[in-house]
Amino acid sequence: MNVEARTTPPRQRGIALVLKTCLDRTVAAGALIVSAPVMLAIGVAIRVSMGRPMLFAQERPGRGGRLFRVFKFRTMRDARGVDGRPLPDGERLTPLGRFLRASSLDELPQLWNVVKGDLSLVGPRPLLPQYLALYSTEQARRHDVLPGITGWSQVNGRNGISWDEKLALDVWYVDHWSLALDAKVLLKTASVVLRQSSISNGEHATMPEFRGAGDPEP
């Protein structure tokens, strides 16, 4: 589906959107400064345990489906099977990587994406570009707003729910967005991270691959 061809007006607009953008970039810039020593320590730990690169960069679709490069700390080894294809996530994920994902510390470099304006602090998580063609018209509305480091689906199931549930929660956020809702998501994110809940999905270390609208449970 062509996400950019849709004309559904976003709820995020006007003064409220300007405030959200200003708050996002101000908080992200401050958080980058405060977390710099932590990020340096994580970078060193990754360099020692996994070598280079320390950061993982990948293109993801943002608002309107526009692609941008998102940054995260590397959490997996570059391990491949005899067929040359990467091994499953669970086999490539290192102990350090599991800790970084469970604590969400691997997301810290995305603060730079927020400062640049690619991401918001709160919004639907940016997924893989190949999923764009698989969304239903309703699911594609998740791209009416900037994606976020955390989001409504992240604090209501994270990776422990199905794709249909996750995408429905994303669209609910688009339709009910407010600055108060963003504040609620940020507060709930802290609780979810501390409890380290719903990090995996069944037998999968993260989320299984999305195969289209109506994708059954793994």
C-alpha atoms as a PDB file:
ATOM      1  CA  MET A   1       0.000   0.000   0.000  1.00  0.00           C
ATOM      2  CA  ASN A   2       1.194   3.527  -0.753  1.00  0.00           C
ATOM      3  CA  VAL A   3       1.153   5.237   2.642  1.00  0.00           C
ATOM      4  CA  GLU A   4       1.919   8.671   1.193  1.00  0.00           C
ATOM      5  CA  ALA A   5      -1.179   8.583  -1.035  1.00  0.00           C
ATOM      6  CA  ARG A   6      -3.600   8.648   1.906  1.00  0.00           C
ATOM      7  CA  THR A   7      -5.260  11.908   2.894  1.00  0.00           C
ATOM      8  CA  THR A   8      -6.470  11.147   6.451  1.00  0.00           C
ATOM      9  CA  PRO A   9      -5.801  14.381   8.387  1.00  0.00           C
ATOM     10  CA  PRO A  10      -3.576  13.791  11.437  1.00  0.00           C
ATOM     11  CA  ARG A  11      -4.747  14.781  14.921  1.00  0.00           C
ATOM     12  CA  GLN A  12      -1.298  16.215  15.596  1.00  0.00           C
ATOM     13  CA  ARG A  13      -1.376  19.737  14.166  1.00  0.00           C
ATOM     14  CA  GLY A  14      -1.346  23.404  15.115  1.00  0.00           C
ATOM     15  CA  ILE A  15      -0.001  24.763  18.389  1.00  0.00           C
ATOM     16  CA  ALA A  16      -0.205  21.370  20.108  1.00  0.00           C
ATOM     17  CA  LEU A  17       2.097  19.844  17.482  1.00  0.00           C
ATOM     18  CA  VAL A  18       4.536  22.759  17.790  1.00  0.00           C
ATOM     19  CA  LEU A  19       4.642  22.227  21.564  1.00  0.00           C
ATOM     20  CA  LYS A  20       5.178  18.498  21.129  1.00  0.00           C
ATOM     21  CA  THR A  21       8.058  19.095  18.710  1.00  0.00           C
ATOM     22  CA  CYS A  22       9.720  21.661  20.979  1.00  0.00           C
ATOM     23  CA  LEU A  23       9.366  19.429  24.024  1.00  0.00           C
ATOM     24  CA  ASP A  24      10.676  16.395  22.121  1.00  0.00           C
ATOM     25  CA  ARG A  25      13.813  18.112  20.909  1.00  0.00           C
ATOM     26  CA  THR A  26      14.539  19.923  24.172  1.00  0.00           C
ATOM     27  CA  VAL A  27      14.138  16.805  26.318  1.00  0.00           C
ATOM     28  CA  ALA A  28      16.090  14.641  23.842  1.00  0.00           C
ATOM     29  CA  ALA A  29      18.983  17.119  23.697  1.00  0.00           C
ATOM     30  CA  GLY A  30      19.147  17.251  27.494  1.00  0.00           C
ATOM     31  CA  ALA A  31      18.931  13.465  27.760  1.00  0.00           C
ATOM     32  CA  LEU A  32      21.792  13.075  25.266  1.00  0.00           C
ATOM     33  CA  ILE A  33      24.034  15.233  27.434  1.00  0.00           C
ATOM     34  CA  VAL A  34      23.068  13.512  30.684  1.00  0.00           C
ATOM     35  CA  SER A  35      23.366   9.992  29.242  1.00  0.00           C
ATOM     36  CA  ALA A  36      26.673  10.592  27.430  1.00  0.00           C
ATOM     37  CA  PRO A  37      28.793   8.767  30.090  1.00  0.00           C
ATOM     38  CA  VAL A  38      26.395   5.796  30.022  1.00  0.00           C
ATOM     39  CA  MET A  39      26.481   5.625  26.222  1.00  0.00           C
ATOM     40  CA  LEU A  40      30.282   5.787  26.251  1.00  0.00           C
ATOM     41  CA  ALA A  41      30.408   2.853  28.692  1.00  0.00           C
ATOM     42  CA  ILE A  42      27.954   0.856  26.571  1.00  0.00           C
ATOM     43  CA  GLY A  43      29.992   1.573  23.442  1.00  0.00           C
ATOM     44  CA  VAL A  44      33.155   0.305  25.102  1.00  0.00           C
ATOM     45  CA  ALA A  45      31.379  -2.845  26.354  1.00  0.00           C
ATOM     46  CA  ILE A  46      30.070  -3.599  22.842  1.00  0.00           C
ATOM     47  CA  ARG A  47      33.510  -2.993  21.324  1.00  0.00           C
ATOM     48  CA  VAL A  48      35.107  -5.435  23.776  1.00  0.00           C
ATOM     49  CA  SER A  49      32.433  -8.153  23.531  1.00  0.00           C
ATOM     50  CA  MET A  50      31.364  -7.945  19.888  1.00  0.00           C
ATOM     51  CA  GLY A  51      33.854  -5.728  18.111  1.00  0.00           C
ATOM     52  CA  ARG A  52      32.787  -3.159  15.561  1.00  0.00           C
ATOM     53  CA  PRO A  53      30.444  -1.570  14.701  1.00  0.00           C
ATOM     54  CA  MET A  54      29.064  -0.414  18.028  1.00  0.00           C
ATOM     55  CA  LEU A  55      25.965   1.161  16.496  1.00  0.00           C
ATOM     56  CA  PHE A  56      23.332  -0.492  14.351  1.00  0.00           C
ATOM     57  CA  ALA A  57      21.814   1.733  11.673  1.00  0.00           C
ATOM     58  CA  GLN A  58      18.843   0.791   9.496  1.00  0.00           C
ATOM     59  CA  GLU A  59      16.360   2.555   7.269  1.00  0.00           C
ATOM     60  CA  ARG A  60      12.868   2.774   8.738  1.00  0.00           C
ATOM     61  CA  PRO A  61       9.705   4.540   7.513  1.00  0.00           C
ATOM     62  CA  GLY A  62       8.672   7.670   9.376  1.00  0.00           C
ATOM     63  CA  ARG A  63       5.773  10.045   8.996  1.00  0.00           C
ATOM     64  CA  GLY A  64       4.041   9.528   5.659  1.00  0.00           C
ATOM     65  CA  GLY A  65       6.261   6.510   4.991  1.00  0.00           C
ATOM     66  CA  ARG A  66       9.362   8.682   4.416  1.00  0.00           C
ATOM     67  CA  LEU A  67      12.516   6.646   5.049  1.00  0.00           C
ATOM     68  CA  PHE A  68      15.186   7.714   7.535  1.00  0.00           C
ATOM     69  CA  ARG A  69      18.135   6.046   9.250  1.00  0.00           C
ATOM     70  CA  VAL A  70      17.465   5.016  12.828  1.00  0.00           C
ATOM     71  CA  PHE A  71      20.307   4.328  15.261  1.00  0.00           C
ATOM     72  CA  LYS A  72      20.533   1.772  18.071  1.00  0.00           C
ATOM     73  CA  PHE A  73      23.301   0.118  20.019  1.00  0.00           C
ATOM     74  CA  ARG A  74      24.281  -3.199  18.479  1.00  0.00           C
ATOM     75  CA  THR A  75      22.880  -6.203  20.369  1.00  0.00           C
ATOM     76  CA  MET A  76      23.536  -9.154  18.012  1.00  0.00           C
ATOM     77  CA  ARG A  77      26.495 -11.022  16.582  1.00  0.00           C
ATOM     78  CA  ASP A  78      26.836 -11.279  12.805  1.00  0.00           C
ATOM     79  CA  ALA A  79      26.389 -15.067  12.878  1.00  0.00           C
ATOM     80  CA  ARG A  80      25.221 -16.916   9.768  1.00  0.00           C
ATOM     81  CA  GLY A  81      24.209 -20.473   8.937  1.00  0.00           C
ATOM     82  CA  VAL A  82      25.691 -22.739   6.272  1.00  0.00           C
ATOM     83  CA  ASP A  83      23.313 -21.160   3.735  1.00  0.00           C
ATOM     84  CA  GLY A  84      24.831 -17.745   4.406  1.00  0.00           C
ATOM     85  CA  ARG A  85      21.642 -16.350   5.929  1.00  0.00           C
ATOM     86  CA  PRO A  86      21.658 -14.749   9.416  1.00  0.00           C
ATOM     87  CA  LEU A  87      20.797 -17.117  12.258  1.00  0.00           C
ATOM     88  CA  PRO A  88      17.553 -16.487  14.212  1.00  0.00           C
ATOM     89  CA  ASP A  89      17.578 -13.459  16.513  1.00  0.00           C
ATOM     90  CA  GLY A  90      17.623 -15.650  19.626  1.00  0.00           C
ATOM     91  CA  GLU A  91      20.878 -17.278  18.539  1.00  0.00           C
ATOM     92  CA  ARG A  92      22.597 -14.040  17.558  1.00  0.00           C
ATOM     93  CA  LEU A  93      21.532 -12.035  20.606  1.00  0.00           C
ATOM     94  CA  THR A  94      24.414 -11.777  23.082  1.00  0.00           C
ATOM     95  CA  PRO A  95      24.085 -11.648  26.904  1.00  0.00           C
ATOM     96  CA  LEU A  96      25.024  -7.953  26.758  1.00  0.00           C
ATOM     97  CA  GLY A  97      22.494  -7.483  23.980  1.00  0.00           C
ATOM     98  CA  ARG A  98      19.748  -9.110  26.049  1.00  0.00           C
ATOM     99  CA  PHE A  99      20.505  -6.755  28.923  1.00  0.00           C
ATOM    100  CA  LEU A 100      20.505  -3.701  26.648  1.00  0.00           C
ATOM    101  CA  ARG A 101      17.163  -4.698  25.115  1.00  0.00           C
ATOM    102  CA  ALA A 102      15.563  -5.589  28.437  1.00  0.00           C
ATOM    103  CA  SER A 103      16.614  -2.248  29.905  1.00  0.00           C
ATOM    104  CA  SER A 104      15.914  -0.361  26.632  1.00  0.00           C
ATOM    105  CA  LEU A 105      19.421   1.119  26.825  1.00  0.00           C
ATOM    106  CA  ASP A 106      19.952   0.049  23.227  1.00  0.00           C
ATOM    107  CA  GLU A 107      17.482   2.811  22.275  1.00  0.00           C
ATOM    108  CA  LEU A 108      19.582   5.678  23.675  1.00  0.00           C
ATOM    109  CA  PRO A 109      21.187   6.629  20.309  1.00  0.00           C
ATOM    110  CA  GLN A 110      17.677   7.290  18.980  1.00  0.00           C
ATOM    111  CA  LEU A 111      17.659  10.464  21.045  1.00  0.00           C
ATOM    112  CA  TRP A 112      19.751  11.887  18.202  1.00  0.00           C
ATOM    113  CA  ASN A 113      16.957  10.932  15.780  1.00  0.00           C
ATOM    114  CA  VAL A 114      14.559  12.927  17.973  1.00  0.00           C
ATOM    115  CA  VAL A 115      16.820  15.980  17.911  1.00  0.00           C
ATOM    116  CA  LYS A 116      17.023  15.686  14.103  1.00  0.00           C
ATOM    117  CA  GLY A 117      13.238  15.507  13.827  1.00  0.00           C
ATOM    118  CA  ASP A 118      13.039  11.949  12.452  1.00  0.00           C
ATOM    119  CA  LEU A 119      11.487  10.565  15.630  1.00  0.00           C
ATOM    120  CA  SER A 120       9.336  11.734  18.506  1.00  0.00           C
ATOM    121  CA  LEU A 121       9.760  10.620  22.100  1.00  0.00           C
ATOM    122  CA  VAL A 122       6.286   9.033  21.857  1.00  0.00           C
ATOM    123  CA  GLY A 123       4.664   7.547  18.767  1.00  0.00           C
ATOM    124  CA  PRO A 124       4.224   4.257  16.919  1.00  0.00           C
ATOM    125  CA  ARG A 125       7.535   2.392  16.799  1.00  0.00           C
ATOM    126  CA  PRO A 126       9.260   2.589  13.384  1.00  0.00           C
ATOM    127  CA  LEU A 127       9.057  -0.838  11.749  1.00  0.00           C
ATOM    128  CA  LEU A 128      10.680  -2.354   8.645  1.00  0.00           C
ATOM    129  CA  PRO A 129      10.171  -0.699   5.222  1.00  0.00           C
ATOM    130  CA  GLN A 130       8.965  -3.947   3.653  1.00  0.00           C
ATOM    131  CA  TYR A 131       5.932  -3.901   5.946  1.00  0.00           C
ATOM    132  CA  LEU A 132       4.547  -0.779   4.244  1.00  0.00           C
ATOM    133  CA  ALA A 133       3.028  -2.795   1.423  1.00  0.00           C
ATOM    134  CA  LEU A 134       1.460  -5.284   3.872  1.00  0.00           C
ATOM    135  CA  TYR A 135      -0.618  -2.949   6.046  1.00  0.00           C
ATOM    136  CA  SER A 136      -4.356  -2.659   5.671  1.00  0.00           C
ATOM    137  CA  THR A 137      -5.667   0.849   4.994  1.00  0.00           C
ATOM    138  CA  GLU A 138      -6.502   1.176   8.689  1.00  0.00           C
ATOM    139  CA  GLN A 139      -3.129  -0.101   9.912  1.00  0.00           C
ATOM    140  CA  ALA A 140      -1.271   2.247   7.565  1.00  0.00           C
ATOM    141  CA  ARG A 141      -2.704   5.216   9.481  1.00  0.00           C
ATOM    142  CA  ARG A 142       0.020   4.628  12.080  1.00  0.00           C
ATOM    143  CA  HIS A 143       2.188   6.661   9.697  1.00  0.00           C
ATOM    144  CA  ASP A 144       0.029   9.776  10.040  1.00  0.00           C
ATOM    145  CA  VAL A 145       2.346  10.856  12.878  1.00  0.00           C
ATOM    146  CA  LEU A 146       6.048  10.722  13.618  1.00  0.00           C
ATOM    147  CA  PRO A 147       7.199   7.358  14.970  1.00  0.00           C
ATOM    148  CA  GLY A 148       8.530   7.306  18.517  1.00  0.00           C
ATOM    149  CA  ILE A 149      11.162   5.782  20.782  1.00  0.00           C
ATOM    150  CA  THR A 150       8.278   4.493  22.878  1.00  0.00           C
ATOM    151  CA  GLY A 151       4.576   4.281  22.167  1.00  0.00           C
ATOM    152  CA  TRP A 152       1.094   3.216  23.218  1.00  0.00           C
ATOM    153  CA  SER A 153       1.578  -0.347  22.010  1.00  0.00           C
ATOM    154  CA  GLN A 154       4.948  -0.503  23.798  1.00  0.00           C
ATOM    155  CA  VAL A 155       3.328   0.146  27.172  1.00  0.00           C
ATOM    156  CA  ASN A 156       0.329  -2.099  26.464  1.00  0.00           C
ATOM    157  CA  GLY A 157       1.982  -5.377  25.614  1.00  0.00           C
ATOM    158  CA  ARG A 158       5.316  -4.535  23.973  1.00  0.00           C
ATOM    159  CA  ASN A 159       6.391  -7.726  22.140  1.00  0.00           C
ATOM    160  CA  GLY A 160       3.988  -9.960  24.040  1.00  0.00           C
ATOM    161  CA  ILE A 161       0.953  -9.218  21.837  1.00  0.00           C
ATOM    162  CA  SER A 162       0.038 -10.088  18.258  1.00  0.00           C
ATOM    163  CA  TRP A 163       0.761  -7.854  15.284  1.00  0.00           C
ATOM    164  CA  ASP A 164      -2.941  -7.066  14.820  1.00  0.00           C
ATOM    165  CA  GLU A 165      -3.186  -5.933  18.448  1.00  0.00           C
ATOM    166  CA  LYS A 166       0.028  -3.909  18.244  1.00  0.00           C
ATOM    167  CA  LEU A 167      -1.004  -2.087  15.051  1.00  0.00           C
ATOM    168  CA  ALA A 168      -4.529  -1.446  16.376  1.00  0.00           C
ATOM    169  CA  LEU A 169      -2.989   0.202  19.447  1.00  0.00           C
ATOM    170  CA  ASP A 170      -0.800   2.347  17.191  1.00  0.00           C
ATOM    171  CA  VAL A 171      -3.839   3.582  15.274  1.00  0.00           C
ATOM    172  CA  TRP A 172      -5.695   4.213  18.547  1.00  0.00           C
ATOM    173  CA  TYR A 173      -2.810   6.473  19.585  1.00  0.00           C
ATOM    174  CA  VAL A 174      -3.065   8.410  16.305  1.00  0.00           C
ATOM    175  CA  ASP A 175      -6.807   8.963  16.849  1.00  0.00           C
ATOM    176  CA  HIS A 176      -6.563   9.884  20.547  1.00  0.00           C
ATOM    177  CA  TRP A 177      -3.252  11.738  20.699  1.00  0.00           C
ATOM    178  CA  SER A 178      -2.735  14.543  23.186  1.00  0.00           C
ATOM    179  CA  LEU A 179       0.175  15.936  25.173  1.00  0.00           C
ATOM    180  CA  ALA A 180      -1.378  14.377  28.280  1.00  0.00           C
ATOM    181  CA  LEU A 181      -1.417  10.970  26.566  1.00  0.00           C
ATOM    182  CA  ASP A 182       2.265  11.362  25.684  1.00  0.00           C
ATOM    183  CA  ALA A 183       3.046  12.107  29.331  1.00  0.00           C
ATOM    184  CA  LYS A 184       1.100   9.017  30.382  1.00  0.00           C
ATOM    185  CA  VAL A 185       3.033   6.855  27.906  1.00  0.00           C
ATOM    186  CA  LEU A 186       6.377   8.147  29.166  1.00  0.00           C
ATOM    187  CA  LEU A 187       5.427   7.394  32.784  1.00  0.00           C
ATOM    188  CA  LYS A 188       4.185   3.904  31.871  1.00  0.00           C
ATOM    189  CA  THR A 189       7.358   3.289  29.845  1.00  0.00           C
ATOM    190  CA  ALA A 190       9.460   3.689  32.966  1.00  0.00           C
ATOM    191  CA  SER A 191       7.336   1.046  34.711  1.00  0.00           C
ATOM    192  CA  VAL A 192       7.508  -1.374  31.762  1.00  0.00           C
ATOM    193  CA  VAL A 193      11.291  -1.025  31.503  1.00  0.00           C
ATOM    194  CA  LEU A 194      11.808  -1.547  35.234  1.00  0.00           C
ATOM    195  CA  ARG A 195       9.621  -4.664  35.180  1.00  0.00           C
ATOM    196  CA  GLN A 196      11.302  -5.852  31.924  1.00  0.00           C
ATOM    197  CA  SER A 197       7.974  -7.233  30.787  1.00  0.00           C
ATOM    198  CA  SER A 198       6.908  -8.650  27.387  1.00  0.00           C
ATOM    199  CA  ILE A 199      10.375  -8.473  25.831  1.00  0.00           C
ATOM    200  CA  SER A 200       9.868 -11.637  23.763  1.00  0.00           C
ATOM    201  CA  ASN A 201       6.971 -13.095  21.775  1.00  0.00           C
ATOM    202  CA  GLY A 202       6.458 -16.809  22.326  1.00  0.00           C
ATOM    203  CA  GLU A 203       9.500 -18.651  20.968  1.00  0.00           C
ATOM    204  CA  HIS A 204      10.817 -15.491  19.314  1.00  0.00           C
ATOM    205  CA  ALA A 205      13.477 -13.337  21.011  1.00  0.00           C
ATOM    206  CA  THR A 206      11.673 -10.215  19.814  1.00  0.00           C
ATOM    207  CA  MET A 207       8.703 -10.051  17.408  1.00  0.00           C
ATOM    208  CA  PRO A 208       8.159 -12.543  14.568  1.00  0.00           C
ATOM    209  CA  GLU A 209       8.111 -11.197  11.035  1.00  0.00           C
ATOM    210  CA  PHE A 210       4.925  -9.368  10.034  1.00  0.00           C
ATOM    211  CA  ARG A 211       3.250 -11.129   7.103  1.00  0.00           C
ATOM    212  CA  GLY A 212       0.297  -8.871   6.476  1.00  0.00           C
ATOM    213  CA  ALA A 213      -3.052  -7.745   7.868  1.00  0.00           C
ATOM    214  CA  GLY A 214      -4.739 -10.563   9.765  1.00  0.00           C
ATOM    215  CA  ASP A 215      -1.380 -12.204  10.468  1.00  0.00           C
ATOM    216  CA  PRO A 216      -2.117 -15.147  12.815  1.00  0.00           C
ATOM    217  CA  GLU A 217      -0.516 -15.650  16.184  1.00  0.00           C
ATOM    218  CA  PRO A 218       3.014 -17.177  15.895  1.00  0.00           C
END
